[in-house]
């Protein structure tokens, strides 16, 4: 688990559930090696805006 993602803001957690991306967040969080794209997605899921998270869901 990547330590710098310990405290995901509540609103980001809510948006992850709202857009069906919470499982992806958990999977990425516990992945050993991430591609640059996976790391970008993890960053957005952790501290992005609702619009950014919505766009991730639309591009999945």
Protein backbone atom coordinates (compact mmCIF):
# COMPACT_ATOMS: atom_id res chain seq x y z
CA UNK A 1 0.00 0.00 0.00
CA UNK A 2 1.28 3.42 -0.89
CA UNK A 3 1.56 5.41 2.34
CA UNK A 4 0.96 8.86 0.90
CA UNK A 5 -2.61 7.85 0.01
CA UNK A 6 -3.55 7.04 3.63
CA UNK A 7 -6.10 9.79 4.13
CA UNK A 8 -8.25 10.18 1.07
CA UNK A 9 -10.66 13.11 1.58
CA UNK A 10 -14.25 12.07 2.32
CA UNK A 11 -15.61 13.91 -0.73
CA UNK A 12 -13.21 12.00 -2.98
CA UNK A 13 -14.37 8.72 -1.46
CA UNK A 14 -17.97 9.73 -2.12
CA UNK A 15 -17.17 10.60 -5.75
CA UNK A 16 -15.36 7.28 -6.19
CA UNK A 17 -18.53 5.46 -5.12
CA UNK A 18 -20.81 7.81 -7.09
CA UNK A 19 -18.95 7.12 -10.34
CA UNK A 20 -18.23 3.43 -9.65
CA UNK A 21 -14.47 3.81 -9.28
CA UNK A 22 -13.89 2.85 -5.65
CA UNK A 23 -12.81 -0.71 -6.54
CA UNK A 24 -10.30 0.67 -9.03
CA UNK A 25 -8.95 3.00 -6.35
CA UNK A 26 -8.46 0.08 -3.95
CA UNK A 27 -6.84 -2.07 -6.66
CA UNK A 28 -4.45 0.72 -7.63
CA UNK A 29 -3.71 1.52 -4.00
CA UNK A 30 -2.50 -2.02 -3.33
CA UNK A 31 -0.65 -2.50 -6.63
CA UNK A 32 3.10 -2.95 -6.37
CA UNK A 33 4.09 -1.32 -9.65
CA UNK A 34 1.98 1.25 -11.44
CA UNK A 35 2.29 2.49 -14.98
CA UNK A 36 2.40 6.28 -15.37
CA UNK A 37 -1.27 6.19 -16.46
CA UNK A 38 -2.31 4.13 -13.41
CA UNK A 39 -0.40 6.50 -11.16
CA UNK A 40 -2.19 9.48 -12.75
CA UNK A 41 -5.57 7.80 -12.20
CA UNK A 42 -4.70 7.02 -8.58
CA UNK A 43 -3.69 10.64 -7.99
CA UNK A 44 -6.99 11.88 -9.44
CA UNK A 45 -9.04 9.39 -7.42
CA UNK A 46 -7.19 10.40 -4.28
CA UNK A 47 -7.27 14.20 -4.51
CA UNK A 48 -8.85 15.20 -7.83
CA UNK A 49 -12.00 17.22 -8.37
CA UNK A 50 -15.40 15.67 -8.92
CA UNK A 51 -15.20 16.63 -12.61
CA UNK A 52 -11.83 14.86 -12.99
CA UNK A 53 -13.20 11.71 -11.32
CA UNK A 54 -16.32 11.84 -13.51
CA UNK A 55 -14.10 12.06 -16.61
CA UNK A 56 -12.13 9.01 -15.46
CA UNK A 57 -15.40 7.07 -15.22
CA UNK A 58 -16.44 8.19 -18.68
CA UNK A 59 -13.08 7.13 -20.14
CA UNK A 60 -13.07 3.68 -18.56
